[in-house]
Amino acid sequence: MLSHPFDFEIQADIFSTREMTAIFDERQRFGRWLEFEAALAASQAELGIIPVEAATEISARAKFENLDPAIVRDGYRQSRNSLIPIINGLREVCRNGHGEFVHHGATTQDVLDTGQILELRDTFRIIYRDLKKLEKSLADLAGTHSATPMIGRSHGQQALPITFGLKCGVWLAENRRHIERVKNLSPRLLIGQLSGAVGTMAALGGQGREVARRTMARLGLGYATISWHTSRDNIAEAANLMAMISASQEKIANEIVELGKNEIGELREPAPPGAAASSTMPHKRNPVICQRIAVMARQTRALSGTIIEAMVHEHERDGRAIWSEWLAMPQISIYTGAILNYINLVVKELEIAPENMAKNLLLHGDMVLSEWLLFRLGASIGRMKAQEILRALAGEARASDRSLKDCLLADNKTAALLDRDDLAFLDHPEKYIGLAENLINDLLDEISARQVSDPESI
């Protein structure tokens, strides 16, 4: 019985992607645990701890398809341990008694922690790839629309003119910082675990550290000098980075929802041809994908709190903390992957309406140039005096439904302070965009320089 949207077959991949759910597929997870056991056995054989023949047999058999699923399933019905049924299944299929050397000197959490790191390695490879893809789309938007004027808004109100490219540039810069964070996280995160029951390596003997180094090298991971069974800071950093990445995409999605409202009509998420958005209102085009992004981002933020709580362990092992982490991390990873998949789709095909941006920019006429007027008049009469006068004139303009320009000309104190060019500028608020184009060009150059050091994959 399928009970979670991740597993749905008919209503599939609404809050997930096949690529991400495949990472956390149960059999794939078991396969990683068996991969650990094979690497452990091979490393121990090299050091003479177990017979070479035993390691060869363990490595040959350490694949889930070699195990009897029915026996493993029955084992989980009887065992309360997360790993024992898999270990027993591997021991049973190893010939000539070599199964007794399976899992030699390791503890369950060594295997599960290292397996989780392998999962997160694959997860962040996808995240990195999709952030890079998003960077290209955002850079294209920022460059194309560097001079496309629109109204900037603060506190939900019209503020001053900006360009759409500048808005995209803000998203682009944040996305680049996430790329750098992912690059910086990898060396800390991709560290396996092999230190025994309480972190002393007692069962591995004097060669414990070398066994750990070789085992992790075989898995393509780094080696931890000291146990991190109860030190979950790197896992918490990974979870919170995914929550941050998801929040950034929700911000973009929310902006598209807000600017797509009929009363604004500046942006709209793409819609597949012939798709019905409403069951009863054929005229509607609901921003469904952006809403899904928001919902999943909220889930990642909530679950990241669970991971922070799981940093608080008792003594040398605490199932209450570790199990809550193991439940939350796959969900955070899958949601983040789905969010990035969706935002790439939306941004690449984003519908942009420059004509509505221009229309909304003029909605309050020259009122949006009050800042320019403040500094222009302030040069003659002082900024505080200019602010007092302009506040009064703006109120007068709103009350009388006149332009700010007309009110300025009717005021003896201000009319004489403005020349013909000043008055003409008040008719063109789209020109008051400051250094927007220069800032975007500088950002694109900065990102191009940083991309030189980006690896193809992490």
Protein backbone atom coordinates (compact mmCIF):
# COMPACT_ATOMS: atom_id res chain seq x y z
CA MET A 1 0.00 0.00 0.00
CA LEU A 2 1.43 3.35 -1.09
CA SER A 3 0.76 6.05 1.50
CA HIS A 4 3.29 8.84 0.88
CA PRO A 5 3.33 11.17 -2.17
CA PHE A 6 6.97 10.19 -2.75
CA ASP A 7 5.79 6.66 -3.51
CA PHE A 8 2.64 7.35 -5.50
CA GLU A 9 2.57 5.66 -8.91
CA ILE A 10 -0.49 7.26 -10.53
CA GLN A 11 -0.13 10.74 -9.04
CA ALA A 12 3.64 10.47 -9.24
CA ASP A 13 6.40 13.06 -8.92
CA ILE A 14 4.33 15.98 -7.70
CA PHE A 15 6.47 16.57 -4.61
CA SER A 16 9.51 14.60 -5.75
CA THR A 17 11.56 13.59 -8.77
CA ARG A 18 12.43 10.08 -9.91
CA GLU A 19 16.09 11.00 -9.75
CA MET A 20 15.93 12.02 -6.09
CA THR A 21 13.65 9.27 -4.84
CA ALA A 22 15.92 6.73 -6.54
CA ILE A 23 18.76 7.81 -4.24
CA PHE A 24 16.69 6.90 -1.20
CA ASP A 25 15.09 3.79 -2.63
CA GLU A 26 15.15 1.03 -0.03
CA ARG A 27 17.14 -1.40 -2.16
CA GLN A 28 19.61 1.32 -3.08
CA ARG A 29 20.07 2.05 0.60
CA PHE A 30 20.69 -1.61 1.37
CA GLY A 31 23.15 -1.66 -1.54
CA ARG A 32 25.16 1.15 0.04
CA TRP A 33 25.31 -0.68 3.34
CA LEU A 34 26.58 -3.77 1.54
CA GLU A 35 29.07 -1.63 -0.35
CA PHE A 36 30.42 -0.51 3.02
CA GLU A 37 30.75 -4.13 4.18
CA ALA A 38 32.65 -5.06 1.01
CA ALA A 39 35.01 -2.09 1.39
CA LEU A 40 35.57 -2.92 5.06
CA ALA A 41 36.38 -6.56 4.31
CA ALA A 42 38.77 -5.69 1.47
CA SER A 43 40.63 -3.18 3.67
CA GLN A 44 40.93 -5.64 6.53
CA ALA A 45 42.21 -8.35 4.19
CA GLU A 46 44.94 -6.02 2.91
CA LEU A 47 46.12 -5.57 6.49
CA GLY A 48 45.94 -9.29 7.34
CA ILE A 49 43.07 -8.88 9.79
CA ILE A 50 40.78 -11.29 7.94
CA PRO A 51 41.62 -13.90 5.26
CA VAL A 52 41.90 -12.62 1.70
CA GLU A 53 39.55 -15.42 0.60
CA ALA A 54 36.93 -14.17 3.04
CA ALA A 55 37.16 -10.61 1.73
CA THR A 56 36.92 -11.85 -1.86
CA GLU A 57 33.81 -13.85 -1.04
CA ILE A 58 32.21 -11.00 0.91
CA SER A 59 32.87 -8.54 -1.91
CA ALA A 60 31.44 -10.93 -4.50
CA ARG A 61 28.26 -11.52 -2.47
CA ALA A 62 27.71 -7.99 -1.12
CA LYS A 63 24.91 -7.05 -3.50
CA PHE A 64 21.28 -6.98 -2.52
CA GLU A 65 20.24 -9.13 -5.48
CA ASN A 66 22.34 -11.94 -3.98
CA LEU A 67 20.31 -11.89 -0.76
CA ASP A 68 16.97 -13.59 -0.24
CA PRO A 69 14.44 -10.71 0.16
CA ALA A 70 11.98 -12.94 2.01
CA ILE A 71 14.59 -13.88 4.63
CA VAL A 72 15.63 -10.21 5.02
CA ARG A 73 11.97 -9.18 5.34
CA ASP A 74 11.36 -11.80 8.01
CA GLY A 75 14.52 -10.65 9.76
CA TYR A 76 13.14 -7.12 10.05
CA ARG A 77 9.93 -8.46 11.54
CA GLN A 78 11.95 -10.12 14.29
CA SER A 79 14.82 -7.65 14.78
CA ARG A 80 14.73 -4.16 16.20
CA ASN A 81 18.15 -3.37 14.74
CA SER A 82 18.33 -1.39 11.48
CA LEU A 83 21.17 -3.44 9.99
CA ILE A 84 21.23 -6.97 11.42
CA PRO A 85 18.84 -8.55 8.87
CA ILE A 86 21.04 -7.29 6.02
CA ILE A 87 24.22 -8.47 7.76
CA ASN A 88 22.69 -11.87 8.46
CA GLY A 89 21.50 -12.12 4.89
CA LEU A 90 25.03 -11.45 3.63
CA ARG A 91 26.54 -13.92 6.07
CA GLU A 92 24.18 -16.63 4.90
CA VAL A 93 25.10 -16.31 1.22
CA CYS A 94 28.86 -16.26 1.84
CA ARG A 95 30.32 -19.74 1.24
CA ASN A 96 32.91 -21.76 3.12
CA GLY A 97 32.21 -20.07 6.44
CA HIS A 98 33.52 -16.71 5.23
CA GLY A 99 30.34 -15.02 6.41
CA GLU A 100 31.72 -14.93 9.96
CA PHE A 101 34.07 -12.13 8.86
CA VAL A 102 31.25 -9.86 7.69
CA HIS A 103 30.98 -6.57 9.66
CA HIS A 104 34.18 -7.36 11.58
CA GLY A 105 34.86 -4.63 14.17
CA ALA A 106 32.19 -2.20 12.95
CA THR A 107 28.97 -1.07 14.58
CA THR A 108 25.55 -0.47 13.05
CA GLN A 109 25.81 3.29 13.13
CA ASP A 110 29.14 3.19 11.28
CA VAL A 111 27.37 1.59 8.36
CA LEU A 112 24.22 3.69 8.44
CA ASP A 113 26.08 6.97 8.88
CA THR A 114 28.44 6.21 6.02
CA GLY A 115 25.52 5.10 3.87
CA GLN A 116 23.79 8.41 4.59
CA ILE A 117 26.91 10.32 3.54
CA LEU A 118 26.94 8.42 0.25
CA GLU A 119 23.29 9.40 -0.22
CA LEU A 120 24.06 13.04 0.53
CA ARG A 121 26.98 12.96 -1.90
CA ASP A 122 24.59 11.94 -4.67
CA THR A 123 22.01 14.45 -3.44
CA PHE A 124 24.39 17.40 -3.52
CA ARG A 125 25.68 16.42 -6.94
CA ILE A 126 22.12 16.91 -8.22
CA ILE A 127 21.65 20.09 -6.20
CA TYR A 128 24.92 21.53 -7.51
CA ARG A 129 24.04 20.65 -11.10
CA ASP A 130 20.60 22.25 -10.81
CA LEU A 131 21.91 25.38 -9.10
CA LYS A 132 24.35 25.77 -11.98
CA LYS A 133 21.52 25.33 -14.46
CA LEU A 134 19.46 27.92 -12.60
CA GLU A 135 22.42 30.30 -12.59
CA LYS A 136 22.52 30.26 -16.39
CA SER A 137 18.79 31.02 -16.71
CA LEU A 138 18.94 33.81 -14.14
CA ALA A 139 22.02 35.31 -15.77
CA ASP A 140 20.23 35.30 -19.12
CA LEU A 141 17.22 37.06 -17.58
CA ALA A 142 19.35 39.61 -15.76
CA GLY A 143 21.32 40.45 -18.89
CA THR A 144 18.35 40.55 -21.23
CA HIS A 145 16.30 42.75 -18.93
CA SER A 146 19.05 44.88 -17.42
CA ALA A 147 17.29 48.01 -18.73
CA THR A 148 13.66 46.84 -18.60
CA PRO A 149 12.05 49.35 -16.23
CA MET A 150 9.53 48.37 -13.57
CA ILE A 151 8.42 49.70 -10.23
CA GLY A 152 10.32 48.58 -7.16
CA ARG A 153 8.20 47.84 -4.13
CA SER A 154 8.91 47.99 -0.41
CA HIS A 155 6.54 47.08 2.44
CA GLY A 156 4.06 45.98 -0.23
CA GLN A 157 3.88 49.50 -1.67
CA GLN A 158 5.22 51.12 -4.82
CA ALA A 159 8.59 52.65 -4.00
CA LEU A 160 11.04 53.68 -6.76
CA PRO A 161 11.84 52.55 -10.31
CA ILE A 162 14.15 49.57 -10.80
CA THR A 163 14.72 47.21 -13.71
CA PHE A 164 13.53 43.64 -13.96
CA GLY A 165 17.12 42.66 -14.63
CA LEU A 166 18.12 44.08 -11.24
CA LYS A 167 15.50 41.94 -9.52
CA CYS A 168 16.83 38.89 -11.35
CA GLY A 169 20.36 39.95 -10.41
CA VAL A 170 19.46 39.77 -6.72
CA TRP A 171 18.21 36.21 -7.25
CA LEU A 172 21.32 35.39 -9.28
CA ALA A 173 23.75 36.65 -6.62
CA GLU A 174 21.99 34.63 -3.92
CA ASN A 175 22.05 31.54 -6.12
CA ARG A 176 25.80 31.96 -6.68
CA ARG A 177 26.36 32.14 -2.92
CA HIS A 178 24.52 28.83 -2.59
CA ILE A 179 26.78 27.32 -5.25
CA GLU A 180 29.81 28.45 -3.26
CA ARG A 181 28.27 27.03 -0.07
CA VAL A 182 27.76 23.64 -1.70
CA LYS A 183 31.35 23.67 -2.94
CA ASN A 184 32.62 24.60 0.52
CA LEU A 185 30.44 22.06 2.31
CA SER A 186 31.62 19.00 0.40
CA PRO A 187 35.02 18.56 2.07
CA ARG A 188 33.41 18.69 5.52
CA LEU A 189 30.37 16.59 4.71
CA LEU A 190 31.85 13.76 2.67
CA ILE A 191 33.48 12.03 5.62
CA GLY A 192 32.59 8.44 6.46
CA GLN A 193 32.30 6.78 9.84
CA LEU A 194 34.15 3.75 11.19
CA SER A 195 35.03 3.84 14.86
CA GLY A 196 33.23 0.96 16.54
CA ALA A 197 30.64 0.74 19.28
CA VAL A 198 31.62 3.78 21.36
CA GLY A 199 34.17 5.45 19.10
CA THR A 200 37.34 3.82 20.47
CA MET A 201 38.04 1.38 17.58
CA ALA A 202 38.73 -1.24 20.27
CA ALA A 203 37.45 -4.15 18.18
CA LEU A 204 39.63 -3.12 15.24
CA GLY A 205 42.83 -3.18 17.27
CA GLY A 206 45.92 -1.13 16.59
CA GLN A 207 45.20 -1.05 12.86
CA GLY A 208 41.81 0.57 13.34
CA ARG A 209 42.75 3.94 11.92
CA GLU A 210 44.30 2.41 8.82
CA VAL A 211 41.25 0.18 8.30
CA ALA A 212 39.07 3.26 8.46
CA ARG A 213 41.25 5.22 6.03
CA ARG A 214 41.31 2.42 3.48
CA THR A 215 37.62 1.65 3.80
CA MET A 216 36.63 5.26 3.23
CA ALA A 217 39.08 5.62 0.35
CA ARG A 218 37.38 2.69 -1.37
CA LEU A 219 34.05 4.49 -0.96
CA GLY A 220 35.43 7.78 -2.24
CA LEU A 221 35.04 9.46 1.14
CA GLY A 222 37.28 11.17 3.63
CA TYR A 223 38.29 9.69 6.98
CA ALA A 224 37.30 11.11 10.36
CA THR A 225 40.11 11.26 12.90
CA ILE A 226 37.60 10.85 15.70
CA SER A 227 34.09 9.45 15.86
CA TRP A 228 31.16 11.68 14.89
CA HIS A 229 28.47 9.28 16.13
CA THR A 230 27.15 12.01 18.42
CA SER A 231 28.53 15.03 16.51
CA ARG A 232 25.94 15.84 13.88
CA ASP A 233 26.99 19.37 13.00
CA ASN A 234 27.96 18.53 9.42
CA ILE A 235 24.63 16.79 8.84
CA ALA A 236 22.85 19.77 10.35
CA GLU A 237 24.81 22.11 8.09
CA ALA A 238 23.77 20.05 5.06
CA ALA A 239 20.11 20.06 6.11
CA ASN A 240 20.09 23.76 6.80
CA LEU A 241 21.85 24.53 3.53
CA MET A 242 19.10 22.63 1.72
CA ALA A 243 16.52 24.58 3.71
CA MET A 244 18.24 27.85 2.72
CA ILE A 245 18.39 26.83 -0.93
CA SER A 246 14.72 25.90 -0.83
CA ALA A 247 13.80 29.19 0.84
CA SER A 248 15.59 31.12 -1.91
CA GLN A 249 13.51 29.32 -4.53
CA GLU A 250 10.34 29.97 -2.56
CA LYS A 251 11.21 33.66 -2.59
CA ILE A 252 11.44 33.63 -6.39
CA ALA A 253 8.27 31.58 -6.66
CA ASN A 254 6.42 33.91 -4.31
CA GLU A 255 7.52 36.93 -6.35
CA ILE A 256 6.13 35.28 -9.47
CA VAL A 257 2.84 34.60 -7.68
CA GLU A 258 2.60 38.18 -6.41
CA LEU A 259 3.57 39.80 -9.71
CA GLY A 260 1.27 37.43 -11.57
CA LYS A 261 -1.89 38.64 -9.86
CA ASN A 262 -4.38 40.03 -12.39
CA GLU A 263 -4.10 43.51 -10.91
CA ILE A 264 -0.33 43.49 -11.57
CA GLY A 265 0.26 41.05 -14.45
CA GLU A 266 4.03 41.48 -14.77
CA LEU A 267 5.15 37.85 -14.50
CA ARG A 268 3.51 34.48 -14.91
CA GLU A 269 4.69 30.91 -14.56
CA PRO A 270 4.55 28.90 -17.80
CA ALA A 271 1.63 26.57 -18.35
CA PRO A 272 1.64 23.37 -20.40
CA PRO A 273 -0.59 23.63 -23.52
CA GLY A 274 -4.21 22.76 -22.84
CA ALA A 275 -3.71 22.30 -19.10
CA ALA A 276 -6.73 23.05 -16.92
CA ALA A 277 -5.93 25.20 -13.90
CA SER A 278 -9.35 25.23 -12.29
CA SER A 279 -12.09 22.60 -12.21
CA THR A 280 -14.86 25.22 -12.45
CA MET A 281 -13.28 28.48 -13.72
CA PRO A 282 -11.87 27.98 -17.24
CA HIS A 283 -10.43 31.50 -17.39
CA LYS A 284 -7.95 30.91 -14.57
CA ARG A 285 -4.26 30.07 -14.77
CA ASN A 286 -3.25 29.22 -11.25
CA PRO A 287 0.48 29.39 -10.35
CA VAL A 288 0.43 25.75 -9.30
CA ILE A 289 4.15 25.03 -9.68
CA CYS A 290 5.16 28.10 -7.68
CA GLN A 291 2.70 27.10 -4.97
CA ARG A 292 4.18 23.60 -4.83
CA ILE A 293 7.64 25.11 -4.46
CA ALA A 294 6.41 27.17 -1.50
CA VAL A 295 4.78 24.17 0.20
CA MET A 296 7.89 22.00 -0.12
CA ALA A 297 10.19 24.81 1.02
CA ARG A 298 8.13 25.17 4.17
CA GLN A 299 8.51 21.44 4.76
CA THR A 300 12.28 21.64 4.43
CA ARG A 301 12.45 24.49 6.93
CA ALA A 302 10.35 22.59 9.44
CA LEU A 303 12.35 19.39 8.99
CA SER A 304 15.66 21.24 9.28
CA GLY A 305 14.59 22.12 12.81
CA THR A 306 14.31 18.39 13.52
CA ILE A 307 17.90 17.95 12.36
CA ILE A 308 19.08 20.72 14.67
CA GLU A 309 17.28 19.02 17.56
CA ALA A 310 19.02 15.78 16.60
CA MET A 311 22.39 17.39 17.31
CA VAL A 312 21.67 16.97 21.02
CA HIS A 313 22.80 13.44 21.87
CA GLU A 314 23.13 11.67 25.17
CA HIS A 315 26.42 9.92 25.97
CA GLU A 316 28.08 7.98 23.11
CA ARG A 317 24.95 6.91 21.25
CA ASP A 318 21.35 8.08 21.30
CA GLY A 319 18.77 6.40 19.09
CA ARG A 320 16.17 9.07 19.78
CA ALA A 321 18.35 11.69 18.13
CA ILE A 322 19.82 9.63 15.32
CA TRP A 323 16.56 8.03 14.22
CA SER A 324 14.81 11.38 13.96
CA GLU A 325 17.68 12.56 11.74
CA TRP A 326 17.45 9.47 9.55
CA LEU A 327 13.71 10.04 9.08
CA ALA A 328 14.08 13.72 8.19
CA MET A 329 17.10 13.78 5.86
CA PRO A 330 15.57 11.85 2.94
CA GLN A 331 12.52 14.11 3.00
CA ILE A 332 14.59 17.31 3.07
CA SER A 333 16.74 16.02 0.22
CA ILE A 334 13.85 14.91 -1.97
CA TYR A 335 11.88 18.13 -1.42
CA THR A 336 14.94 20.24 -2.22
CA GLY A 337 15.60 18.29 -5.40
CA ALA A 338 11.98 18.68 -6.50
CA ILE A 339 12.02 22.41 -5.73
CA LEU A 340 15.11 22.97 -7.87
CA ASN A 341 13.63 20.91 -10.68
CA TYR A 342 10.47 23.02 -10.61
CA ILE A 343 12.16 26.42 -10.31
CA ASN A 344 14.38 25.62 -13.29
CA LEU A 345 11.29 24.82 -15.33
CA VAL A 346 9.56 28.04 -14.26
CA VAL A 347 12.49 30.42 -14.68
CA LYS A 348 13.56 29.05 -18.06
CA GLU A 349 10.09 29.58 -19.57
CA LEU A 350 8.97 32.49 -17.39
CA GLU A 351 6.36 34.71 -19.05
CA ILE A 352 7.37 38.37 -18.74
CA ALA A 353 5.14 41.34 -19.59
CA PRO A 354 7.32 44.48 -19.98
CA GLU A 355 4.27 46.44 -21.13
CA ASN A 356 2.55 45.81 -17.80
CA MET A 357 5.74 46.68 -15.95
CA ALA A 358 5.78 50.02 -17.79
CA LYS A 359 2.11 50.60 -17.09
CA ASN A 360 2.46 49.85 -13.37
CA LEU A 361 5.52 52.06 -13.17
CA LEU A 362 3.30 54.98 -14.21
CA LEU A 363 0.43 54.01 -11.92
CA HIS A 364 1.25 56.83 -9.48
CA GLY A 365 2.82 59.06 -12.09
CA ASP A 366 5.67 61.24 -10.94
CA MET A 367 5.04 60.40 -7.28
CA VAL A 368 7.65 57.64 -7.57
CA LEU A 369 10.28 60.32 -8.17
CA SER A 370 9.84 61.83 -4.72
CA GLU A 371 13.30 60.60 -3.70
CA TRP A 372 14.90 62.32 -6.71
CA LEU A 373 13.00 65.50 -5.86
CA LEU A 374 14.07 65.25 -2.23
CA PHE A 375 17.75 65.37 -3.14
CA ARG A 376 17.25 67.86 -5.99
CA LEU A 377 15.43 70.36 -3.74
CA GLY A 378 17.54 69.51 -0.72
CA ALA A 379 20.60 70.87 -2.46
CA SER A 380 19.02 74.32 -2.34
CA ILE A 381 16.89 74.39 0.80
CA GLY A 382 18.25 71.53 2.91
CA ARG A 383 17.09 67.94 3.00
CA MET A 384 14.87 68.20 6.11
CA LYS A 385 13.04 71.24 4.75
CA ALA A 386 12.65 69.59 1.36
CA GLN A 387 11.22 66.46 2.98
CA GLU A 388 8.67 68.49 4.92
CA ILE A 389 7.55 70.35 1.79
CA LEU A 390 7.39 67.25 -0.40
CA ARG A 391 5.42 65.28 2.17
CA ALA A 392 2.83 68.04 2.21
CA LEU A 393 2.76 68.36 -1.59
CA ALA A 394 2.44 64.58 -2.03
CA GLY A 395 -0.56 64.60 0.28
CA GLU A 396 -2.03 67.49 -1.64
CA ALA A 397 -1.47 65.70 -4.96
CA ARG A 398 -3.23 62.56 -3.73
CA ALA A 399 -6.14 64.52 -2.25
CA SER A 400 -6.69 66.61 -5.39
CA ASP A 401 -5.91 63.84 -7.87
CA ARG A 402 -3.24 65.98 -9.50
CA SER A 403 0.36 65.21 -10.40
CA LEU A 404 3.14 66.05 -8.00
CA LYS A 405 4.60 68.20 -10.77
CA ASP A 406 1.46 70.37 -10.92
CA CYS A 407 1.52 70.82 -7.17
CA LEU A 408 5.22 71.77 -7.28
CA LEU A 409 4.57 74.39 -9.95
CA ALA A 410 1.69 75.85 -7.94
CA ASP A 411 3.89 76.18 -4.85
CA ASN A 412 5.90 79.39 -4.75
CA LYS A 413 8.61 77.85 -2.56
CA THR A 414 9.48 75.09 -5.00
CA ALA A 415 8.55 76.27 -8.49
CA ALA A 416 11.54 78.56 -8.76
CA LEU A 417 13.96 75.81 -7.67
CA LEU A 418 13.29 73.55 -10.67
CA ASP A 419 14.45 74.25 -14.22
CA ARG A 420 12.97 73.03 -17.50
CA ASP A 421 15.07 69.86 -17.56
CA ASP A 422 13.97 69.01 -14.02
CA LEU A 423 10.33 69.37 -14.95
CA ALA A 424 10.81 67.23 -18.06
CA PHE A 425 12.49 64.49 -16.00
CA LEU A 426 9.35 64.24 -13.84
CA ASP A 427 7.52 62.90 -16.88
CA HIS A 428 9.95 59.98 -17.24
CA PRO A 429 10.23 57.97 -14.03
CA GLU A 430 11.59 55.03 -16.05
CA LYS A 431 14.87 56.97 -16.33
CA TYR A 432 15.43 56.99 -12.57
CA ILE A 433 17.06 53.57 -12.36
CA GLY A 434 20.39 54.66 -10.93
CA LEU A 435 23.25 52.27 -11.63
CA ALA A 436 21.01 49.27 -12.28
CA GLU A 437 22.54 48.37 -15.64
CA ASN A 438 26.10 48.85 -14.41
CA LEU A 439 25.43 46.77 -11.31
CA ILE A 440 24.06 43.92 -13.38
CA ASN A 441 27.02 44.00 -15.77
CA ASP A 442 29.42 43.98 -12.84
CA LEU A 443 27.59 41.05 -11.25
CA LEU A 444 27.67 39.05 -14.50
CA ASP A 445 31.41 39.69 -14.78
CA GLU A 446 31.94 38.66 -11.16
CA ILE A 447 30.01 35.43 -11.61
CA SER A 448 31.85 34.62 -14.84
CA ALA A 449 35.13 34.98 -12.94
CA ARG A 450 33.92 32.67 -10.17
CA GLN A 451 32.67 30.06 -12.62
CA VAL A 452 36.23 29.46 -13.76
CA SER A 453 36.94 27.63 -10.48
CA ASP A 454 33.68 25.65 -10.50
CA PRO A 455 34.24 21.89 -10.81
CA GLU A 456 32.17 20.07 -13.43
CA SER A 457 30.64 18.06 -10.61
CA ILE A 458 31.17 17.80 -6.87
